[in-house]
C-alpha atoms as a PDB file:
ATOM      1  CA  UNK A   1     -74.479  95.658 -80.488  1.00  0.00           C
ATOM      2  CA  UNK A   2     -70.644  93.671 -79.400  1.00  0.00           C
ATOM      3  CA  UNK A   3     -68.878  91.373 -81.949  1.00  0.00           C
ATOM      4  CA  UNK A   4     -67.686  89.339 -79.112  1.00  0.00           C
ATOM      5  CA  UNK A   5     -69.171  86.277 -80.290  1.00  0.00           C
ATOM      6  CA  UNK A   6     -67.302  83.947 -76.950  1.00  0.00           C
ATOM      7  CA  UNK A   7     -69.835  85.322 -74.628  1.00  0.00           C
ATOM      8  CA  UNK A   8     -73.283  83.992 -74.279  1.00  0.00           C
ATOM      9  CA  UNK A   9     -76.284  86.005 -74.599  1.00  0.00           C
ATOM     10  CA  UNK A  10     -76.988  86.870 -71.372  1.00  0.00           C
ATOM     11  CA  UNK A  11     -73.300  87.849 -70.967  1.00  0.00           C
ATOM     12  CA  UNK A  12     -73.149  90.215 -73.538  1.00  0.00           C
ATOM     13  CA  UNK A  13     -76.959  91.757 -72.333  1.00  0.00           C
ATOM     14  CA  UNK A  14     -75.017  92.170 -68.856  1.00  0.00           C
ATOM     15  CA  UNK A  15     -72.015  93.997 -70.518  1.00  0.00           C
ATOM     16  CA  UNK A  16     -73.820  95.702 -73.479  1.00  0.00           C
ATOM     17  CA  UNK A  17     -75.962  97.134 -70.505  1.00  0.00           C
ATOM     18  CA  UNK A  18     -73.768  98.593 -67.792  1.00  0.00           C
ATOM     19  CA  UNK A  19     -71.930 102.240 -67.694  1.00  0.00           C
ATOM     20  CA  UNK A  20     -68.157 101.967 -66.569  1.00  0.00           C
ATOM     21  CA  UNK A  21     -67.086 105.378 -65.432  1.00  0.00           C
ATOM     22  CA  UNK A  22     -63.261 105.629 -65.901  1.00  0.00           C
ATOM     23  CA  UNK A  23     -61.556 108.626 -63.767  1.00  0.00           C
ATOM     24  CA  UNK A  24     -58.337 109.936 -65.934  1.00  0.00           C
ATOM     25  CA  UNK A  25     -57.288 108.805 -69.627  1.00  0.00           C
ATOM     26  CA  UNK A  26     -53.685 107.884 -69.447  1.00  0.00           C
ATOM     27  CA  UNK A  27     -51.531 104.989 -68.922  1.00  0.00           C
ATOM     28  CA  UNK A  28     -54.442 103.000 -67.048  1.00  0.00           C
ATOM     29  CA  UNK A  29     -57.561 104.375 -68.017  1.00  0.00           C
ATOM     30  CA  UNK A  30     -57.181 104.776 -72.029  1.00  0.00           C
ATOM     31  CA  UNK A  31     -55.797 101.035 -71.578  1.00  0.00           C
ATOM     32  CA  UNK A  32     -58.804  99.911 -69.475  1.00  0.00           C
ATOM     33  CA  UNK A  33     -61.279 101.550 -71.551  1.00  0.00           C
ATOM     34  CA  UNK A  34     -59.996  99.415 -74.932  1.00  0.00           C
ATOM     35  CA  UNK A  35     -59.864  96.418 -73.358  1.00  0.00           C
ATOM     36  CA  UNK A  36     -63.353  96.769 -71.914  1.00  0.00           C
ATOM     37  CA  UNK A  37     -64.807  97.867 -75.123  1.00  0.00           C
ATOM     38  CA  UNK A  38     -62.982  94.666 -76.893  1.00  0.00           C
ATOM     39  CA  UNK A  39     -64.626  92.528 -73.674  1.00  0.00           C
ATOM     40  CA  UNK A  40     -68.028  94.415 -74.683  1.00  0.00           C
ATOM     41  CA  UNK A  41     -68.638  96.699 -72.501  1.00  0.00           C
ATOM     42  CA  UNK A  42     -70.658  99.215 -74.732  1.00  0.00           C
ATOM     43  CA  UNK A  43     -71.561 102.090 -72.292  1.00  0.00           C
ATOM     44  CA  UNK A  44     -68.586 104.124 -70.912  1.00  0.00           C
ATOM     45  CA  UNK A  45     -67.506 107.623 -69.542  1.00  0.00           C
ATOM     46  CA  UNK A  46     -64.124 108.758 -69.693  1.00  0.00           C
ATOM     47  CA  UNK A  47     -63.584 111.816 -67.904  1.00  0.00           C
ATOM     48  CA  UNK A  48     -59.637 114.033 -68.132  1.00  0.00           C
ATOM     49  CA  UNK A  49     -59.114 117.596 -68.841  1.00  0.00           C
ATOM     50  CA  UNK A  50     -55.323 116.773 -69.947  1.00  0.00           C
ATOM     51  CA  UNK A  51     -53.709 116.579 -73.979  1.00  0.00           C
ATOM     52  CA  UNK A  52     -52.021 113.701 -75.576  1.00  0.00           C
ATOM     53  CA  UNK A  53     -48.423 114.892 -75.765  1.00  0.00           C
ATOM     54  CA  UNK A  54     -45.117 113.127 -76.857  1.00  0.00           C
ATOM     55  CA  UNK A  55     -44.428 111.199 -73.589  1.00  0.00           C
ATOM     56  CA  UNK A  56     -47.879 109.437 -73.607  1.00  0.00           C
ATOM     57  CA  UNK A  57     -46.883 107.293 -76.457  1.00  0.00           C
ATOM     58  CA  UNK A  58     -44.447 104.919 -74.475  1.00  0.00           C
ATOM     59  CA  UNK A  59     -47.703 103.771 -72.784  1.00  0.00           C
ATOM     60  CA  UNK A  60     -51.080 104.867 -73.756  1.00  0.00           C
ATOM     61  CA  UNK A  61     -53.624 104.305 -76.047  1.00  0.00           C
ATOM     62  CA  UNK A  62     -53.223 107.306 -78.443  1.00  0.00           C
ATOM     63  CA  UNK A  63     -51.368 107.276 -81.597  1.00  0.00           C
ATOM     64  CA  UNK A  64     -48.838 110.072 -82.954  1.00  0.00           C
ATOM     65  CA  UNK A  65     -51.157 111.931 -85.248  1.00  0.00           C
ATOM     66  CA  UNK A  66     -53.446 112.427 -81.766  1.00  0.00           C
ATOM     67  CA  UNK A  67     -50.717 114.719 -80.255  1.00  0.00           C
ATOM     68  CA  UNK A  68     -52.450 118.010 -78.998  1.00  0.00           C
ATOM     69  CA  UNK A  69     -55.756 116.722 -79.185  1.00  0.00           C
ATOM     70  CA  UNK A  70     -58.146 116.316 -76.261  1.00  0.00           C
ATOM     71  CA  UNK A  71     -57.320 112.714 -74.597  1.00  0.00           C
ATOM     72  CA  UNK A  72     -61.138 112.374 -73.955  1.00  0.00           C
ATOM     73  CA  UNK A  73     -61.736 113.003 -77.554  1.00  0.00           C
ATOM     74  CA  UNK A  74     -58.781 111.163 -79.081  1.00  0.00           C
ATOM     75  CA  UNK A  75     -59.359 108.532 -76.856  1.00  0.00           C
ATOM     76  CA  UNK A  76     -63.278 108.256 -78.059  1.00  0.00           C
ATOM     77  CA  UNK A  77     -61.806 108.266 -81.623  1.00  0.00           C
ATOM     78  CA  UNK A  78     -59.907 104.773 -81.348  1.00  0.00           C
ATOM     79  CA  UNK A  79     -62.216 103.157 -78.922  1.00  0.00           C
ATOM     80  CA  UNK A  80     -65.040 104.120 -81.680  1.00  0.00           C
ATOM     81  CA  UNK A  81     -62.703 102.303 -84.277  1.00  0.00           C
ATOM     82  CA  UNK A  82     -62.877  98.850 -82.212  1.00  0.00           C
ATOM     83  CA  UNK A  83     -66.796  99.385 -82.029  1.00  0.00           C
ATOM     84  CA  UNK A  84     -68.624 102.055 -83.993  1.00  0.00           C
ATOM     85  CA  UNK A  85     -71.642 101.604 -81.725  1.00  0.00           C
ATOM     86  CA  UNK A  86     -70.294 101.721 -78.760  1.00  0.00           C
ATOM     87  CA  UNK A  87     -71.578 105.224 -76.265  1.00  0.00           C
ATOM     88  CA  UNK A  88     -68.678 106.565 -75.151  1.00  0.00           C
ATOM     89  CA  UNK A  89     -69.036 110.097 -73.198  1.00  0.00           C
ATOM     90  CA  UNK A  90     -66.038 112.270 -73.286  1.00  0.00           C
ATOM     91  CA  UNK A  91     -65.812 114.443 -70.388  1.00  0.00           C
ATOM     92  CA  UNK A  92     -63.203 117.114 -70.814  1.00  0.00           C
ATOM     93  CA  UNK A  93     -62.573 117.877 -67.142  1.00  0.00           C
ATOM     94  CA  UNK A  94     -60.957 117.880 -64.047  1.00  0.00           C
ATOM     95  CA  UNK A  95     -62.521 115.908 -61.312  1.00  0.00           C
ATOM     96  CA  UNK A  96     -62.852 117.231 -57.786  1.00  0.00           C
ATOM     97  CA  UNK A  97     -64.462 116.190 -54.247  1.00  0.00           C
ATOM     98  CA  UNK A  98     -67.425 118.774 -55.580  1.00  0.00           C
ATOM     99  CA  UNK A  99     -68.027 117.398 -58.972  1.00  0.00           C
ATOM    100  CA  UNK A 100     -66.779 113.173 -58.696  1.00  0.00           C
ATOM    101  CA  UNK A 101     -70.118 111.922 -57.501  1.00  0.00           C
ATOM    102  CA  UNK A 102     -72.139 113.814 -59.939  1.00  0.00           C
ATOM    103  CA  UNK A 103     -69.879 113.252 -62.637  1.00  0.00           C
ATOM    104  CA  UNK A 104     -70.143 109.012 -62.246  1.00  0.00           C
ATOM    105  CA  UNK A 105     -73.656 109.289 -60.612  1.00  0.00           C
ATOM    106  CA  UNK A 106     -75.302 106.634 -63.636  1.00  0.00           C
ATOM    107  CA  UNK A 107     -72.100 104.411 -63.535  1.00  0.00           C
ATOM    108  CA  UNK A 108     -72.512 100.657 -62.290  1.00  0.00           C
ATOM    109  CA  UNK A 109     -68.577 100.585 -61.819  1.00  0.00           C
ATOM    110  CA  UNK A 110     -65.710 103.556 -61.193  1.00  0.00           C
ATOM    111  CA  UNK A 111     -62.310 102.913 -62.312  1.00  0.00           C
ATOM    112  CA  UNK A 112     -59.412 104.933 -60.580  1.00  0.00           C
ATOM    113  CA  UNK A 113     -56.525 105.753 -63.041  1.00  0.00           C
ATOM    114  CA  UNK A 114     -55.115 108.729 -61.832  1.00  0.00           C
ATOM    115  CA  UNK A 115     -51.600 109.527 -61.407  1.00  0.00           C
ATOM    116  CA  UNK A 116     -51.733 111.724 -58.627  1.00  0.00           C
ATOM    117  CA  UNK A 117     -52.027 110.337 -55.222  1.00  0.00           C
ATOM    118  CA  UNK A 118     -54.073 112.831 -53.802  1.00  0.00           C
ATOM    119  CA  UNK A 119     -56.530 112.696 -56.425  1.00  0.00           C
ATOM    120  CA  UNK A 120     -56.648 108.831 -56.054  1.00  0.00           C
ATOM    121  CA  UNK A 121     -57.266 109.278 -52.118  1.00  0.00           C
ATOM    122  CA  UNK A 122     -60.087 111.736 -52.966  1.00  0.00           C
ATOM    123  CA  UNK A 123     -62.044 109.234 -55.422  1.00  0.00           C
ATOM    124  CA  UNK A 124     -61.718 106.267 -53.221  1.00  0.00           C
ATOM    125  CA  UNK A 125     -62.962 108.218 -50.159  1.00  0.00           C
ATOM    126  CA  UNK A 126     -65.752 109.813 -51.910  1.00  0.00           C
ATOM    127  CA  UNK A 127     -66.919 106.524 -53.112  1.00  0.00           C
ATOM    128  CA  UNK A 128     -66.055 104.433 -50.008  1.00  0.00           C
ATOM    129  CA  UNK A 129     -69.679 103.454 -48.139  1.00  0.00           C
ATOM    130  CA  UNK A 130     -71.445 104.515 -51.398  1.00  0.00           C
ATOM    131  CA  UNK A 131     -72.273 100.829 -52.600  1.00  0.00           C
ATOM    132  CA  UNK A 132     -70.718 101.465 -55.312  1.00  0.00           C
ATOM    133  CA  UNK A 133     -68.317  99.321 -56.967  1.00  0.00           C
ATOM    134  CA  UNK A 134     -64.424 101.087 -57.154  1.00  0.00           C
ATOM    135  CA  UNK A 135     -61.374  99.449 -58.876  1.00  0.00           C
ATOM    136  CA  UNK A 136     -58.501 101.328 -58.420  1.00  0.00           C
ATOM    137  CA  UNK A 137     -54.377 100.946 -58.471  1.00  0.00           C
ATOM    138  CA  UNK A 138     -51.398 101.937 -56.754  1.00  0.00           C
ATOM    139  CA  UNK A 139     -47.814 100.836 -57.420  1.00  0.00           C
ATOM    140  CA  UNK A 140     -47.181  99.797 -61.182  1.00  0.00           C
ATOM    141  CA  UNK A 141     -44.305 101.798 -61.803  1.00  0.00           C
ATOM    142  CA  UNK A 142     -40.832 100.256 -63.303  1.00  0.00           C
ATOM    143  CA  UNK A 143     -40.382  96.990 -65.150  1.00  0.00           C
ATOM    144  CA  UNK A 144     -40.120  93.193 -64.484  1.00  0.00           C
ATOM    145  CA  UNK A 145     -41.694  91.580 -61.130  1.00  0.00           C
ATOM    146  CA  UNK A 146     -44.884  91.429 -62.985  1.00  0.00           C
ATOM    147  CA  UNK A 147     -46.166  88.679 -60.308  1.00  0.00           C
ATOM    148  CA  UNK A 148     -46.156  91.427 -57.738  1.00  0.00           C
ATOM    149  CA  UNK A 149     -48.651  93.241 -59.329  1.00  0.00           C
ATOM    150  CA  UNK A 150     -51.534  91.951 -57.301  1.00  0.00           C
ATOM    151  CA  UNK A 151     -55.622  92.153 -56.993  1.00  0.00           C
ATOM    152  CA  UNK A 152     -56.218  92.914 -53.463  1.00  0.00           C
ATOM    153  CA  UNK A 153     -59.869  93.641 -51.730  1.00  0.00           C
ATOM    154  CA  UNK A 154     -59.701  96.512 -49.442  1.00  0.00           C
ATOM    155  CA  UNK A 155     -63.633  96.434 -48.719  1.00  0.00           C
ATOM    156  CA  UNK A 156     -66.678  95.403 -50.085  1.00  0.00           C
ATOM    157  CA  UNK A 157     -66.988  97.191 -52.449  1.00  0.00           C
ATOM    158  CA  UNK A 158     -63.504  98.429 -53.433  1.00  0.00           C
ATOM    159  CA  UNK A 159     -60.776  96.200 -55.415  1.00  0.00           C
ATOM    160  CA  UNK A 160     -57.123  97.453 -55.713  1.00  0.00           C
ATOM    161  CA  UNK A 161     -54.399  96.273 -58.535  1.00  0.00           C
ATOM    162  CA  UNK A 162     -51.035  96.626 -58.087  1.00  0.00           C
ATOM    163  CA  UNK A 163     -47.797  96.017 -55.959  1.00  0.00           C
ATOM    164  CA  UNK A 164     -48.794  99.075 -53.837  1.00  0.00           C
ATOM    165  CA  UNK A 165     -45.419 100.312 -53.578  1.00  0.00           C
ATOM    166  CA  UNK A 166     -43.876 101.089 -56.437  1.00  0.00           C
ATOM    167  CA  UNK A 167     -44.304 104.377 -57.389  1.00  0.00           C
ATOM    168  CA  UNK A 168     -42.851 106.578 -60.486  1.00  0.00           C
ATOM    169  CA  UNK A 169     -39.596 108.115 -59.485  1.00  0.00           C
ATOM    170  CA  UNK A 170     -36.466 108.740 -60.333  1.00  0.00           C
ATOM    171  CA  UNK A 171     -35.232 105.918 -62.076  1.00  0.00           C
ATOM    172  CA  UNK A 172     -38.702 104.209 -61.752  1.00  0.00           C
ATOM    173  CA  UNK A 173     -40.353 105.053 -65.043  1.00  0.00           C
ATOM    174  CA  UNK A 174     -43.694 104.642 -66.170  1.00  0.00           C
ATOM    175  CA  UNK A 175     -43.304 101.771 -69.058  1.00  0.00           C
ATOM    176  CA  UNK A 176     -45.710 100.325 -71.260  1.00  0.00           C
ATOM    177  CA  UNK A 177     -46.006  96.483 -69.977  1.00  0.00           C
ATOM    178  CA  UNK A 178     -46.386  96.852 -66.018  1.00  0.00           C
ATOM    179  CA  UNK A 179     -48.644  99.920 -66.558  1.00  0.00           C
ATOM    180  CA  UNK A 180     -50.302  97.483 -69.266  1.00  0.00           C
ATOM    181  CA  UNK A 181     -50.753  94.606 -66.983  1.00  0.00           C
ATOM    182  CA  UNK A 182     -52.210  97.001 -64.143  1.00  0.00           C
ATOM    183  CA  UNK A 183     -54.895  98.400 -66.922  1.00  0.00           C
ATOM    184  CA  UNK A 184     -55.359  94.909 -67.990  1.00  0.00           C
ATOM    185  CA  UNK A 185     -56.408  93.345 -64.185  1.00  0.00           C
ATOM    186  CA  UNK A 186     -58.411  96.453 -64.118  1.00  0.00           C
ATOM    187  CA  UNK A 187     -60.685  96.236 -66.707  1.00  0.00           C
ATOM    188  CA  UNK A 188     -60.629  92.410 -65.864  1.00  0.00           C
ATOM    189  CA  UNK A 189     -62.234  93.056 -62.130  1.00  0.00           C
ATOM    190  CA  UNK A 190     -65.040  95.121 -63.856  1.00  0.00           C
ATOM    191  CA  UNK A 191     -65.779  92.399 -66.412  1.00  0.00           C
ATOM    192  CA  UNK A 192     -65.777  89.814 -63.092  1.00  0.00           C
ATOM    193  CA  UNK A 193     -67.928  91.972 -60.765  1.00  0.00           C
ATOM    194  CA  UNK A 194     -70.391  92.896 -63.671  1.00  0.00           C
ATOM    195  CA  UNK A 195     -70.938  88.971 -64.828  1.00  0.00           C
ATOM    196  CA  UNK A 196     -71.040  88.171 -61.090  1.00  0.00           C
ATOM    197  CA  UNK A 197     -67.918  86.565 -60.253  1.00  0.00           C
ATOM    198  CA  UNK A 198     -64.893  86.858 -57.892  1.00  0.00           C
ATOM    199  CA  UNK A 199     -62.720  89.807 -59.541  1.00  0.00           C
END
């Protein structure tokens, strides 16, 4: 049961019964998952194939003593410290076009939290016109320009977060504040959709 006493019983029931899928457990995915569990979401399917490494600690919801662990297992451990009753399905796998629909078949909403453009395109293409809600992100590298990170509707079931242009590159690193803003906005969009509000 969620400890979020600020919500009505009806709102808590909606969040506690929904299943949210998160594709990627890096800067976006790990922080989005953290916000969702704190908001009262009880059922998450988190999918990633990577391990926690030193370079992740500047922006991802992991700790130094988790270096070398599988990201999905380390994230599950951290999320259960927030809510021991949460149902976290940790899937250690690389998502591709052949598996993505099956992996997230029982999810009400899917959060795209990939680092690679081709993977982002694959996930959005897989769910476009499917009727499943998708929250994606693009353009959140660097620092400053917080107000440039916005929510845009890309279709009836697709919401995009970011500035749409600032990708990671030379002199434009992914750092915690901007990545965190985007991850929080993704979580906020998920909660809004679940509670029947415009994100």
